[in-house]
Amino acid sequence: LLGNKAESVNTEFDITNTSIYSNIIYNFSKKIIFNLGARYSNYSNSYIGKGLKGDENYNPMPIKTINESIANQLIAAHASISYKFNDKLNLYTAINRGYKAGGINQNPYLDNIQRFFKPEYNLNINGGIGLLSNLYEANIHLFYMKRINQQVGLYYQLDPDPLSFTFYTANALDGYNAGLETSFKLHLNNNFSFVFKSGILKNYVNIYTDPFDESISYGNREPAHSPEYNYSVEVNYMFKNGVSLNIENTGMDEFYFDDQAYIKSNSYSVSNFNIGYKITNWHISIWGKNVFNQKYATRGYYFDLGIGNQGEQAYKAYENPIHFGVSL
């Protein structure tokens, strides 16, 4: 383990989170509703890590014991207001302050600057509009989130030994998420419906240095797994004999696989179908996923095996190929 620096490791987290939450909803009128809330959390995390390694004669000897604790006092709040024009039109807006607790990285050979990561705070402003009628349902949602002490998932590898590869969490200074989400559902009749959903996303993380080497910097771009768009198109039809048909196509833009490298996925679209039949208390369905057998990666990273270009190669994990099934 840990690049031959340990033969066994025993770790234990003891996490306690005590919170108090309050919320009030006030109806200014039948059309205007105001919502205000707050939350206080006392978060503590104690960590003990022990282990053994072999000396030159392969006799077990203890590695450095890690016994650390952190405590976070965290405050969140939200306020929102919605206005219902009529039974068909509704507007809303909200502002929220949220958080993610800090933590402790486990590897016993980390320094203190790498051992701990701070809480992240988020300030989120959003709003939208909802439309409803017998023929259609539509929603448009806008959001902007400022991220302070943004937590980022990183990794490092001490040498080409694969066992030295490990993950840890660090903090960037700040970043933001902004975007637009839409959904539209059309009811042509009681048997046929059409659904379209889409998202446009702009994420950014500010520049920050590698906790292991301050001469190396990351960020100043979108973080990992932040595609600029995604969508889904869905058609549903119910036949009179109880048979239902669902056809779906989903797609996504390219995105970075991790925050330390510039390897990207490819944009892709995938088609699925489901044919169902219901009789009394039974429901049977025949389904197919990725029916055009698209090959697309969902995860990727650099992993040094001492081969390839300067000891670096990109490795990818792919989603399932074409497959079919029956559910009862």
Protein backbone atom coordinates (compact mmCIF):
# COMPACT_ATOMS: atom_id res chain seq x y z
CA LEU A 1 0.00 0.00 0.00
CA LEU A 2 0.95 3.69 -0.40
CA GLY A 3 3.76 2.92 -2.82
CA ASN A 4 5.25 0.13 -0.66
CA LYS A 5 5.29 2.41 2.41
CA ALA A 6 2.70 0.34 4.26
CA GLU A 7 1.59 -3.28 4.39
CA SER A 8 -1.62 -2.67 6.32
CA VAL A 9 -3.66 0.38 7.26
CA ASN A 10 -6.48 0.71 9.77
CA THR A 11 -8.46 3.96 9.67
CA GLU A 12 -11.48 5.28 11.55
CA PHE A 13 -13.56 8.44 11.28
CA ASP A 14 -15.84 9.57 14.11
CA ILE A 15 -18.17 12.25 12.76
CA THR A 16 -20.79 14.14 14.77
CA ASN A 17 -23.10 16.72 13.26
CA THR A 18 -25.56 18.61 15.49
CA SER A 19 -27.90 21.06 13.80
CA ILE A 20 -30.82 23.34 14.48
CA TYR A 21 -33.09 24.48 11.67
CA SER A 22 -35.92 26.98 11.48
CA ASN A 23 -38.27 27.99 8.69
CA ILE A 24 -41.22 30.34 8.32
CA ILE A 25 -43.66 30.65 5.43
CA TYR A 26 -45.74 33.81 5.24
CA ASN A 27 -48.62 34.35 2.83
CA PHE A 28 -48.79 38.03 1.95
CA SER A 29 -51.86 37.17 -0.10
CA LYS A 30 -53.30 34.26 -2.04
CA LYS A 31 -50.81 35.03 -4.79
CA ILE A 32 -47.59 35.99 -2.93
CA ILE A 33 -45.75 33.53 -0.66
CA PHE A 34 -42.56 34.39 1.26
CA ASN A 35 -40.24 31.70 2.67
CA LEU A 36 -37.40 32.41 5.11
CA GLY A 37 -35.14 29.87 6.85
CA ALA A 38 -31.82 29.37 8.61
CA ARG A 39 -29.67 26.49 9.79
CA TYR A 40 -26.79 26.21 12.25
CA SER A 41 -24.57 23.11 12.35
CA ASN A 42 -21.80 22.10 14.71
CA TYR A 43 -19.71 19.59 12.77
CA SER A 44 -16.83 17.64 14.31
CA ASN A 45 -14.64 15.02 12.68
CA SER A 46 -12.06 12.92 14.52
CA TYR A 47 -9.73 10.68 12.59
CA ILE A 48 -7.31 7.95 13.69
CA GLY A 49 -5.07 6.17 11.20
CA LYS A 50 -2.61 3.40 12.06
CA GLY A 51 -0.62 0.93 10.02
CA LEU A 52 2.34 -1.37 9.64
CA LYS A 53 5.22 -1.58 7.20
CA GLY A 54 8.05 -4.08 6.79
CA ASP A 55 11.66 -3.28 7.60
CA GLU A 56 14.61 -4.54 5.56
CA ASN A 57 14.10 -8.00 7.07
CA TYR A 58 10.34 -7.92 6.40
CA ASN A 59 9.53 -7.59 10.09
CA PRO A 60 6.40 -5.48 10.79
CA MET A 61 6.93 -2.08 12.32
CA PRO A 62 4.42 0.75 12.86
CA ILE A 63 4.09 3.65 10.48
CA LYS A 64 3.28 7.15 11.69
CA THR A 65 -0.01 7.25 13.60
CA ILE A 66 -2.39 10.03 12.58
CA ASN A 67 -4.69 11.33 15.31
CA GLU A 68 -6.40 14.55 14.20
CA SER A 69 -9.66 16.38 14.79
CA ILE A 70 -11.46 19.31 13.21
CA ALA A 71 -14.55 21.29 14.19
CA ASN A 72 -16.67 23.53 11.96
CA GLN A 73 -19.44 25.92 12.97
CA LEU A 74 -21.54 26.34 9.85
CA ILE A 75 -24.41 28.72 9.12
CA ALA A 76 -26.82 28.54 6.18
CA ALA A 77 -29.85 30.64 5.27
CA HIS A 78 -32.39 31.00 2.52
CA ALA A 79 -35.11 33.39 1.41
CA SER A 80 -37.53 32.99 -1.46
CA ILE A 81 -40.66 34.59 -2.81
CA SER A 82 -43.14 33.27 -5.34
CA TYR A 83 -45.91 35.08 -7.16
CA LYS A 84 -48.82 33.20 -8.67
CA PHE A 85 -50.38 35.33 -11.39
CA ASN A 86 -53.10 32.77 -12.06
CA ASP A 87 -53.59 29.03 -12.41
CA LYS A 88 -51.32 29.00 -15.47
CA LEU A 89 -48.39 31.30 -14.57
CA ASN A 90 -46.05 31.31 -11.57
CA LEU A 91 -42.84 33.32 -10.90
CA TYR A 92 -40.27 32.70 -8.17
CA THR A 93 -36.85 33.89 -7.02
CA ALA A 94 -34.57 32.87 -4.17
CA ILE A 95 -31.24 33.56 -2.51
CA ASN A 96 -29.44 30.88 -0.48
CA ARG A 97 -26.24 30.50 1.50
CA GLY A 98 -25.08 26.91 1.82
CA TYR A 99 -21.99 24.99 2.88
CA LYS A 100 -19.98 21.80 2.66
CA ALA A 101 -18.07 20.80 5.78
CA GLY A 102 -14.27 20.55 5.84
CA GLY A 103 -12.44 17.29 6.32
CA ILE A 104 -9.27 15.24 6.81
CA ASN A 105 -7.32 13.40 4.13
CA GLN A 106 -6.21 9.94 5.22
CA ASN A 107 -2.77 9.27 3.75
CA PRO A 108 -0.29 9.13 6.69
CA TYR A 109 2.54 10.66 4.63
CA LEU A 110 0.75 13.96 3.97
CA ASP A 111 1.94 17.21 5.55
CA ASN A 112 -0.50 19.34 7.52
CA ILE A 113 -1.02 21.68 4.56
CA GLN A 114 -2.25 18.66 2.60
CA ARG A 115 -3.91 16.86 5.52
CA PHE A 116 -6.86 19.22 6.02
CA PHE A 117 -9.33 20.93 3.72
CA LYS A 118 -11.56 23.83 4.69
CA PRO A 119 -15.35 24.17 4.54
CA GLU A 120 -16.80 25.50 1.31
CA TYR A 121 -19.49 28.19 1.33
CA ASN A 122 -21.90 28.86 -1.51
CA LEU A 123 -24.01 31.92 -2.28
CA ASN A 124 -26.74 30.99 -4.74
CA ILE A 125 -29.19 33.30 -6.53
CA ASN A 126 -31.84 31.75 -8.74
CA GLY A 127 -35.24 32.35 -10.23
CA GLY A 128 -37.64 31.06 -12.77
CA ILE A 129 -41.04 30.91 -14.38
CA GLY A 130 -43.56 28.10 -14.61
CA LEU A 131 -46.37 27.76 -17.17
CA LEU A 132 -49.16 25.21 -16.97
CA SER A 133 -52.16 24.41 -19.18
CA ASN A 134 -54.11 21.37 -20.33
CA LEU A 135 -51.90 21.20 -23.40
CA TYR A 136 -48.42 21.79 -21.99
CA GLU A 137 -46.16 22.29 -18.96
CA ALA A 138 -43.10 24.55 -19.20
CA ASN A 139 -40.41 25.64 -16.73
CA ILE A 140 -37.44 27.96 -17.13
CA HIS A 141 -34.86 28.20 -14.33
CA LEU A 142 -31.83 30.54 -14.08
CA PHE A 143 -29.13 30.23 -11.41
CA TYR A 144 -25.80 31.69 -10.31
CA MET A 145 -23.70 30.22 -7.50
CA LYS A 146 -20.56 31.81 -6.04
CA ARG A 147 -18.29 29.18 -4.45
CA ILE A 148 -15.85 30.28 -1.70
CA ASN A 149 -12.98 27.96 -0.69
CA GLN A 150 -14.19 25.64 -3.43
CA GLN A 151 -13.37 22.01 -2.65
CA VAL A 152 -11.63 20.15 -5.49
CA GLY A 153 -10.85 16.45 -5.83
CA LEU A 154 -7.19 15.86 -6.73
CA TYR A 155 -4.79 12.94 -6.87
CA TYR A 156 -1.08 12.36 -6.76
CA GLN A 157 1.36 9.56 -7.47
CA LEU A 158 4.69 9.47 -5.68
CA ASP A 159 6.38 7.22 -8.27
CA PRO A 160 5.43 4.94 -11.19
CA ASP A 161 4.39 2.24 -8.70
CA PRO A 162 0.58 2.01 -9.21
CA LEU A 163 0.11 1.45 -5.47
CA SER A 164 1.33 4.98 -4.76
CA PHE A 165 -1.69 6.50 -6.56
CA THR A 166 -4.13 8.12 -4.14
CA PHE A 167 -6.89 10.73 -4.03
CA TYR A 168 -7.24 13.71 -1.72
CA THR A 169 -9.35 16.86 -1.36
CA ALA A 170 -8.01 20.44 -1.42
CA ASN A 171 -9.38 23.97 -1.60
CA ALA A 172 -9.28 26.43 -4.46
CA LEU A 173 -9.81 30.08 -3.63
CA ASP A 174 -13.18 30.47 -5.34
CA GLY A 175 -15.27 29.70 -8.39
CA TYR A 176 -18.79 29.94 -9.71
CA ASN A 177 -21.56 27.96 -11.42
CA ALA A 178 -24.10 29.64 -13.68
CA GLY A 179 -26.68 28.28 -16.03
CA LEU A 180 -30.11 27.89 -17.51
CA GLU A 181 -32.41 24.86 -17.21
CA THR A 182 -35.59 24.35 -19.23
CA SER A 183 -38.24 21.67 -19.42
CA PHE A 184 -41.24 21.42 -21.73
CA LYS A 185 -43.94 18.73 -21.78
CA LEU A 186 -46.59 18.65 -24.49
CA HIS A 187 -49.80 16.60 -24.05
CA LEU A 188 -51.21 16.14 -27.55
CA ASN A 189 -53.94 13.87 -26.14
CA ASN A 190 -54.46 11.40 -23.31
CA ASN A 191 -52.26 8.83 -25.05
CA PHE A 192 -49.39 10.86 -26.50
CA SER A 193 -46.86 13.17 -24.82
CA PHE A 194 -43.59 14.80 -25.83
CA VAL A 195 -40.95 15.92 -23.28
CA PHE A 196 -37.89 18.08 -23.91
CA LYS A 197 -35.36 19.07 -21.23
CA SER A 198 -32.14 21.02 -21.63
CA GLY A 199 -29.41 22.64 -19.59
CA ILE A 200 -26.75 25.23 -20.37
CA LEU A 201 -23.90 25.44 -17.87
CA LYS A 202 -20.93 27.75 -17.32
CA ASN A 203 -18.67 26.67 -14.45
CA TYR A 204 -15.35 28.23 -13.49
CA VAL A 205 -12.73 27.59 -10.81
CA ASN A 206 -10.06 30.21 -10.11
CA ILE A 207 -6.35 29.46 -10.33
CA TYR A 208 -4.82 27.59 -7.38
CA THR A 209 -1.53 25.85 -6.64
CA ASP A 210 -0.81 22.17 -6.13
CA PRO A 211 -0.49 21.46 -2.37
CA PHE A 212 2.52 19.24 -3.17
CA ASP A 213 4.31 21.64 -5.50
CA GLU A 214 3.57 25.38 -5.43
CA SER A 215 5.28 25.81 -8.79
CA ILE A 216 2.36 23.87 -10.37
CA SER A 217 -1.01 25.56 -10.72
CA TYR A 218 -4.45 24.37 -11.80
CA GLY A 219 -7.78 26.03 -12.46
CA ASN A 220 -8.49 29.20 -14.44
CA ARG A 221 -10.98 27.10 -16.46
CA GLU A 222 -14.13 25.05 -15.96
CA PRO A 223 -13.74 22.27 -13.35
CA ALA A 224 -14.11 18.57 -14.04
CA HIS A 225 -17.45 17.13 -15.18
CA SER A 226 -18.93 20.47 -16.28
CA PRO A 227 -20.43 19.98 -19.75
CA GLU A 228 -21.65 23.22 -21.33
CA TYR A 229 -24.92 21.64 -22.42
CA ASN A 230 -27.09 18.58 -21.91
CA TYR A 231 -30.51 17.60 -23.22
CA SER A 232 -33.09 14.85 -23.36
CA VAL A 233 -35.96 14.25 -25.80
CA GLU A 234 -38.66 11.78 -24.85
CA VAL A 235 -41.76 10.48 -26.65
CA ASN A 236 -44.44 8.50 -24.79
CA TYR A 237 -47.44 6.71 -26.29
CA MET A 238 -50.10 4.60 -24.60
CA PHE A 239 -51.95 2.16 -26.85
CA LYS A 240 -55.56 1.21 -26.15
CA ASN A 241 -54.66 -2.42 -25.44
CA GLY A 242 -52.49 -1.43 -22.43
CA VAL A 243 -49.14 -1.40 -24.27
CA SER A 244 -46.96 1.65 -23.63
CA LEU A 245 -43.99 2.89 -25.66
CA ASN A 246 -41.21 5.19 -24.51
CA ILE A 247 -38.42 6.40 -26.82
CA GLU A 248 -35.67 8.63 -25.42
CA ASN A 249 -32.56 10.36 -26.70
CA THR A 250 -30.11 12.06 -24.32
CA GLY A 251 -26.98 14.01 -25.09
CA MET A 252 -24.13 15.85 -23.40
CA ASP A 253 -21.26 18.15 -24.35
CA GLU A 254 -17.59 17.30 -23.78
CA PHE A 255 -16.05 17.94 -20.35
CA TYR A 256 -12.75 17.62 -18.50
CA PHE A 257 -12.33 14.34 -16.63
CA ASP A 258 -10.36 15.80 -13.73
CA ASP A 259 -9.10 19.11 -12.38
CA GLN A 260 -5.38 18.40 -12.93
CA ALA A 261 -5.24 17.38 -16.58
CA TYR A 262 -6.59 18.55 -19.92
CA ILE A 263 -7.94 15.21 -21.12
CA LYS A 264 -11.58 15.56 -22.21
CA SER A 265 -14.51 13.34 -23.01
CA ASN A 266 -16.28 13.44 -26.36
CA SER A 267 -19.75 14.88 -26.78
CA TYR A 268 -22.30 12.12 -27.28
CA SER A 269 -25.97 11.22 -27.65
CA VAL A 270 -27.58 7.95 -26.60
CA SER A 271 -30.94 6.44 -27.56
CA ASN A 272 -33.07 4.16 -25.36
CA PHE A 273 -36.50 2.55 -25.62
CA ASN A 274 -38.99 0.80 -23.33
CA ILE A 275 -42.07 -1.22 -24.35
CA GLY A 276 -44.35 -2.05 -21.44
CA TYR A 277 -47.55 -3.99 -20.86
CA LYS A 278 -49.69 -3.98 -17.74
CA ILE A 279 -52.24 -6.64 -16.86
CA THR A 280 -53.99 -6.80 -13.47
CA ASN A 281 -51.18 -6.52 -10.86
CA TRP A 282 -48.35 -7.38 -13.25
CA HIS A 283 -46.21 -5.15 -15.44
CA ILE A 284 -43.71 -6.45 -17.98
CA SER A 285 -41.35 -4.33 -20.04
CA ILE A 286 -38.80 -4.95 -22.76
CA TRP A 287 -36.10 -2.30 -22.93
CA GLY A 288 -32.97 -1.38 -24.80
CA LYS A 289 -30.26 1.07 -23.79
CA ASN A 290 -27.65 2.68 -26.03
CA VAL A 291 -29.35 0.96 -28.95
CA PHE A 292 -26.99 2.48 -31.55
CA ASN A 293 -23.99 1.21 -29.56
CA GLN A 294 -22.27 4.57 -29.01
CA LYS A 295 -18.87 4.32 -27.33
CA TYR A 296 -18.32 7.17 -24.89
CA ALA A 297 -16.19 7.67 -21.81
CA THR A 298 -17.58 8.82 -18.46
CA ARG A 299 -14.40 8.89 -16.37
CA GLY A 300 -10.72 9.43 -17.13
CA TYR A 301 -7.40 10.20 -15.48
CA TYR A 302 -3.65 10.08 -15.92
CA PHE A 303 -2.03 7.05 -14.34
CA ASP A 304 1.73 6.60 -14.47
CA LEU A 305 2.87 3.03 -15.13
CA GLY A 306 6.32 4.11 -16.31
CA ILE A 307 5.33 3.58 -19.95
CA GLY A 308 4.03 5.78 -22.73
CA ASN A 309 4.88 9.42 -23.38
CA GLN A 310 7.12 10.59 -20.50
CA GLY A 311 5.58 7.97 -18.25
CA GLU A 312 2.09 9.42 -18.68
CA GLN A 313 -0.91 7.80 -20.30
CA ALA A 314 -4.56 8.68 -20.25
CA TYR A 315 -6.91 5.96 -19.07
CA LYS A 316 -10.67 6.09 -19.63
CA ALA A 317 -13.69 4.24 -18.26
CA TYR A 318 -16.54 3.76 -20.74
CA GLU A 319 -20.29 3.52 -20.27
CA ASN A 320 -22.12 0.29 -21.14
CA PRO A 321 -22.43 -0.60 -24.83
CA ILE A 322 -25.71 -1.68 -26.42
CA HIS A 323 -27.74 -3.91 -24.11
CA PHE A 324 -31.30 -5.18 -23.82
CA GLY A 325 -33.37 -6.60 -21.02
CA VAL A 326 -36.74 -7.71 -19.72
CA SER A 327 -38.24 -6.49 -16.43
CA LEU A 328 -41.16 -8.15 -14.67
